[in-house]
Amino acid sequence: MKLQQLRYIVEIERQGLNVSEAAEVLYTSQPGGSKQITLPEDELGIAIFERSGKRFTGITAPGPGGIDNAPRIMREEENLQRTRDDSFRGD
């Protein structure tokens, strides 16, 4: 799973399951955002979002686990980048 995929998951939840709005916030296309959701779902073997056709209609029972953990994982990645940047500056 990639960090960008986690960003999509979090932003879709923040935007009330509206993929178009989430894509706009993340400066990407709606089809690209939808694909970024199906890839980690396939990898994990669980659906994060409930669907009706192509629309997200809710969050599945296992979905909150992925959504709730995503911001923490993204913060950890940012911390690692800061540590790396600090070491290059000699801090």
N, C-alpha and C. Protein backbone atom coordinates (compact mmCIF):
# COMPACT_ATOMS: atom_id res chain seq x y z
N MET A 1 0.84 -1.17 0.00
CA MET A 1 0.00 0.00 0.00
C MET A 1 0.90 1.24 0.00
N LYS A 2 0.47 2.24 -0.73
CA LYS A 2 1.24 3.47 -0.86
C LYS A 2 0.60 4.58 -0.03
N LEU A 3 1.43 5.53 0.38
CA LEU A 3 0.93 6.64 1.18
C LEU A 3 -0.13 7.45 0.45
N GLN A 4 0.02 7.60 -0.84
CA GLN A 4 -0.98 8.36 -1.61
C GLN A 4 -2.35 7.67 -1.53
N GLN A 5 -2.34 6.36 -1.50
CA GLN A 5 -3.61 5.64 -1.38
C GLN A 5 -4.25 5.92 -0.02
N LEU A 6 -3.44 6.00 1.02
CA LEU A 6 -3.98 6.35 2.34
C LEU A 6 -4.56 7.75 2.34
N ARG A 7 -3.90 8.66 1.65
CA ARG A 7 -4.42 10.04 1.55
C ARG A 7 -5.81 10.06 0.91
N TYR A 8 -5.99 9.26 -0.15
CA TYR A 8 -7.29 9.19 -0.81
C TYR A 8 -8.35 8.65 0.15
N ILE A 9 -8.01 7.59 0.85
CA ILE A 9 -8.97 6.98 1.78
C ILE A 9 -9.41 8.00 2.82
N VAL A 10 -8.47 8.68 3.42
CA VAL A 10 -8.78 9.67 4.45
C VAL A 10 -9.60 10.82 3.87
N GLU A 11 -9.20 11.31 2.71
CA GLU A 11 -9.89 12.47 2.14
C GLU A 11 -11.30 12.13 1.68
N ILE A 12 -11.51 10.94 1.16
CA ILE A 12 -12.87 10.54 0.77
C ILE A 12 -13.77 10.50 1.99
N GLU A 13 -13.25 9.99 3.09
CA GLU A 13 -14.05 9.97 4.32
C GLU A 13 -14.32 11.39 4.78
N ARG A 14 -13.31 12.27 4.72
CA ARG A 14 -13.48 13.67 5.14
C ARG A 14 -14.50 14.41 4.28
N GLN A 15 -14.56 14.04 3.02
CA GLN A 15 -15.46 14.72 2.08
C GLN A 15 -16.83 14.05 2.00
N GLY A 16 -17.19 13.31 3.02
CA GLY A 16 -18.51 12.70 3.06
C GLY A 16 -18.74 11.67 1.98
N LEU A 17 -17.68 10.93 1.65
CA LEU A 17 -17.69 9.86 0.65
C LEU A 17 -17.83 10.37 -0.78
N ASN A 18 -17.57 11.64 -0.99
CA ASN A 18 -17.65 12.23 -2.32
C ASN A 18 -16.27 12.17 -2.97
N VAL A 19 -16.11 11.24 -3.91
CA VAL A 19 -14.81 11.02 -4.55
C VAL A 19 -14.40 12.22 -5.39
N SER A 20 -15.34 12.87 -6.05
CA SER A 20 -15.00 14.04 -6.86
C SER A 20 -14.42 15.16 -6.02
N GLU A 21 -15.04 15.42 -4.87
CA GLU A 21 -14.53 16.47 -3.99
C GLU A 21 -13.17 16.10 -3.42
N ALA A 22 -13.00 14.84 -3.05
CA ALA A 22 -11.71 14.38 -2.53
C ALA A 22 -10.63 14.52 -3.60
N ALA A 23 -10.95 14.16 -4.83
CA ALA A 23 -9.98 14.28 -5.92
C ALA A 23 -9.59 15.74 -6.13
N GLU A 24 -10.56 16.64 -6.01
CA GLU A 24 -10.26 18.07 -6.17
C GLU A 24 -9.30 18.55 -5.09
N VAL A 25 -9.56 18.16 -3.85
CA VAL A 25 -8.70 18.55 -2.73
C VAL A 25 -7.27 18.02 -2.94
N LEU A 26 -7.17 16.81 -3.50
CA LEU A 26 -5.87 16.17 -3.69
C LEU A 26 -5.26 16.46 -5.06
N TYR A 27 -5.90 17.36 -5.81
CA TYR A 27 -5.39 17.77 -7.13
C TYR A 27 -5.18 16.58 -8.07
N THR A 28 -6.21 15.77 -8.18
CA THR A 28 -6.15 14.62 -9.09
C THR A 28 -7.51 14.45 -9.75
N SER A 29 -7.61 13.48 -10.63
CA SER A 29 -8.88 13.22 -11.31
C SER A 29 -9.72 12.25 -10.49
N GLN A 30 -11.02 12.32 -10.69
CA GLN A 30 -11.93 11.42 -9.99
C GLN A 30 -11.66 9.96 -10.34
N PRO A 31 -11.48 9.59 -11.61
CA PRO A 31 -11.18 8.18 -11.91
C PRO A 31 -9.88 7.72 -11.25
N GLY A 32 -8.90 8.60 -11.20
CA GLY A 32 -7.63 8.24 -10.55
C GLY A 32 -7.82 7.99 -9.07
N GLY A 33 -8.66 8.81 -8.44
CA GLY A 33 -8.95 8.63 -7.02
C GLY A 33 -9.67 7.33 -6.74
N SER A 34 -10.62 7.00 -7.58
CA SER A 34 -11.36 5.74 -7.40
C SER A 34 -10.43 4.55 -7.51
N LYS A 35 -9.52 4.61 -8.45
CA LYS A 35 -8.57 3.50 -8.63
C LYS A 35 -7.65 3.38 -7.41
N GLN A 36 -7.28 4.51 -6.83
CA GLN A 36 -6.41 4.48 -5.66
C GLN A 36 -7.09 3.86 -4.45
N ILE A 37 -8.39 3.75 -4.48
CA ILE A 37 -9.12 3.09 -3.40
C ILE A 37 -9.22 1.60 -3.65
N THR A 38 -9.50 1.21 -4.89
CA THR A 38 -9.66 -0.22 -5.17
C THR A 38 -8.35 -0.98 -5.04
N LEU A 39 -7.23 -0.34 -5.33
CA LEU A 39 -5.93 -1.04 -5.23
C LEU A 39 -5.64 -1.50 -3.80
N PRO A 40 -5.73 -0.64 -2.78
CA PRO A 40 -5.46 -1.14 -1.43
C PRO A 40 -6.54 -2.10 -0.94
N GLU A 41 -7.79 -1.89 -1.36
CA GLU A 41 -8.83 -2.84 -0.98
C GLU A 41 -8.50 -4.23 -1.51
N ASP A 42 -8.06 -4.29 -2.76
CA ASP A 42 -7.67 -5.58 -3.35
C ASP A 42 -6.47 -6.17 -2.62
N GLU A 43 -5.51 -5.32 -2.30
CA GLU A 43 -4.30 -5.78 -1.61
C GLU A 43 -4.62 -6.32 -0.22
N LEU A 44 -5.50 -5.61 0.51
CA LEU A 44 -5.86 -6.03 1.86
C LEU A 44 -6.88 -7.15 1.87
N GLY A 45 -7.61 -7.28 0.77
CA GLY A 45 -8.65 -8.30 0.70
C GLY A 45 -9.92 -7.92 1.44
N ILE A 46 -10.12 -6.61 1.68
CA ILE A 46 -11.34 -6.13 2.32
C ILE A 46 -11.83 -4.88 1.61
N ALA A 47 -13.11 -4.67 1.65
CA ALA A 47 -13.67 -3.42 1.13
C ALA A 47 -13.68 -2.41 2.28
N ILE A 48 -13.21 -1.21 2.01
CA ILE A 48 -13.22 -0.16 3.01
C ILE A 48 -14.53 0.62 2.93
N PHE A 49 -15.00 0.80 1.70
CA PHE A 49 -16.22 1.58 1.47
C PHE A 49 -17.32 0.69 0.91
N GLU A 50 -18.55 0.94 1.36
CA GLU A 50 -19.72 0.29 0.76
C GLU A 50 -20.06 1.04 -0.51
N ARG A 51 -20.58 0.31 -1.48
CA ARG A 51 -20.88 0.91 -2.78
C ARG A 51 -22.29 0.58 -3.24
N SER A 52 -22.82 1.52 -4.00
CA SER A 52 -24.03 1.29 -4.75
C SER A 52 -23.70 1.74 -6.16
N GLY A 53 -23.45 0.80 -7.03
CA GLY A 53 -22.94 1.12 -8.35
C GLY A 53 -21.54 1.67 -8.20
N LYS A 54 -21.31 2.87 -8.72
CA LYS A 54 -19.99 3.48 -8.61
C LYS A 54 -19.88 4.45 -7.44
N ARG A 55 -20.97 4.65 -6.72
CA ARG A 55 -20.98 5.61 -5.60
C ARG A 55 -20.62 4.92 -4.28
N PHE A 56 -19.87 5.63 -3.46
CA PHE A 56 -19.63 5.17 -2.10
C PHE A 56 -20.83 5.58 -1.27
N THR A 57 -21.37 4.63 -0.52
CA THR A 57 -22.57 4.90 0.26
C THR A 57 -22.33 4.77 1.76
N GLY A 58 -21.21 4.25 2.15
CA GLY A 58 -20.92 4.08 3.56
C GLY A 58 -19.55 3.47 3.75
N ILE A 59 -19.26 3.19 4.99
CA ILE A 59 -18.00 2.56 5.35
C ILE A 59 -18.32 1.17 5.86
N THR A 60 -17.59 0.18 5.39
CA THR A 60 -17.82 -1.20 5.81
C THR A 60 -17.40 -1.40 7.26
N ALA A 61 -17.77 -2.53 7.83
CA ALA A 61 -17.39 -2.83 9.22
C ALA A 61 -15.87 -2.79 9.42
N PRO A 62 -15.05 -3.37 8.52
CA PRO A 62 -13.60 -3.28 8.73
C PRO A 62 -13.01 -1.95 8.27
N GLY A 63 -13.78 -1.14 7.57
CA GLY A 63 -13.28 0.12 7.02
C GLY A 63 -12.68 1.09 8.02
N PRO A 64 -13.30 1.30 9.19
CA PRO A 64 -12.72 2.25 10.15
C PRO A 64 -11.29 1.91 10.57
N GLY A 65 -10.96 0.64 10.58
CA GLY A 65 -9.59 0.27 10.94
C GLY A 65 -8.58 0.90 9.99
N GLY A 66 -8.88 0.84 8.70
CA GLY A 66 -7.99 1.45 7.72
C GLY A 66 -8.04 2.96 7.76
N ILE A 67 -9.21 3.51 7.91
CA ILE A 67 -9.36 4.96 7.92
C ILE A 67 -8.74 5.56 9.18
N ASP A 68 -8.97 4.94 10.33
CA ASP A 68 -8.46 5.49 11.59
C ASP A 68 -6.94 5.39 11.70
N ASN A 69 -6.35 4.37 11.11
CA ASN A 69 -4.90 4.19 11.18
C ASN A 69 -4.15 5.02 10.15
N ALA A 70 -4.79 5.41 9.09
CA ALA A 70 -4.12 6.11 7.99
C ALA A 70 -3.47 7.42 8.43
N PRO A 71 -4.14 8.30 9.17
CA PRO A 71 -3.48 9.55 9.56
C PRO A 71 -2.22 9.32 10.41
N ARG A 72 -2.27 8.32 11.29
CA ARG A 72 -1.10 8.02 12.10
C ARG A 72 0.06 7.56 11.23
N ILE A 73 -0.21 6.73 10.26
CA ILE A 73 0.83 6.25 9.35
C ILE A 73 1.41 7.41 8.55
N MET A 74 0.55 8.31 8.09
CA MET A 74 1.02 9.46 7.33
C MET A 74 1.87 10.39 8.20
N ARG A 75 1.49 10.56 9.48
CA ARG A 75 2.31 11.38 10.40
C ARG A 75 3.68 10.75 10.61
N GLU A 76 3.71 9.44 10.75
CA GLU A 76 4.99 8.75 10.94
C GLU A 76 5.89 8.93 9.72
N GLU A 77 5.29 8.90 8.54
CA GLU A 77 6.07 9.11 7.32
C GLU A 77 6.63 10.53 7.30
N GLU A 78 5.83 11.50 7.70
CA GLU A 78 6.30 12.89 7.77
C GLU A 78 7.44 13.02 8.78
N ASN A 79 7.33 12.33 9.92
CA ASN A 79 8.39 12.36 10.93
C ASN A 79 9.69 11.78 10.37
N LEU A 80 9.59 10.71 9.63
CA LEU A 80 10.77 10.11 9.01
C LEU A 80 11.41 11.07 8.02
N GLN A 81 10.59 11.76 7.25
CA GLN A 81 11.13 12.73 6.30
C GLN A 81 11.82 13.89 7.03
N ARG A 82 11.23 14.35 8.12
CA ARG A 82 11.85 15.43 8.90
C ARG A 82 13.19 14.98 9.48
N THR A 83 13.23 13.75 9.99
CA THR A 83 14.48 13.21 10.53
C THR A 83 15.54 13.15 9.44
N ARG A 84 15.15 12.71 8.27
CA ARG A 84 16.08 12.65 7.15
C ARG A 84 16.56 14.05 6.78
N ASP A 85 15.63 14.99 6.68
CA ASP A 85 16.00 16.36 6.32
C ASP A 85 16.91 16.98 7.37
N ASP A 86 16.62 16.73 8.64
CA ASP A 86 17.46 17.26 9.72
C ASP A 86 18.88 16.70 9.64
N SER A 87 18.99 15.42 9.30
CA SER A 87 20.33 14.81 9.22
C SER A 87 21.13 15.38 8.06
N PHE A 88 20.47 15.77 6.98
CA PHE A 88 21.17 16.38 5.84
C PHE A 88 21.65 17.79 6.17
N ARG A 89 20.90 18.47 7.06
CA ARG A 89 21.29 19.82 7.46
C ARG A 89 22.32 19.80 8.58
N GLY A 90 22.52 18.63 9.18
CA GLY A 90 23.47 18.51 10.26
C GLY A 90 22.91 18.89 11.61
N ASP A 91 21.58 18.89 11.75
CA ASP A 91 20.94 19.24 13.04
C ASP A 91 21.11 18.11 14.04
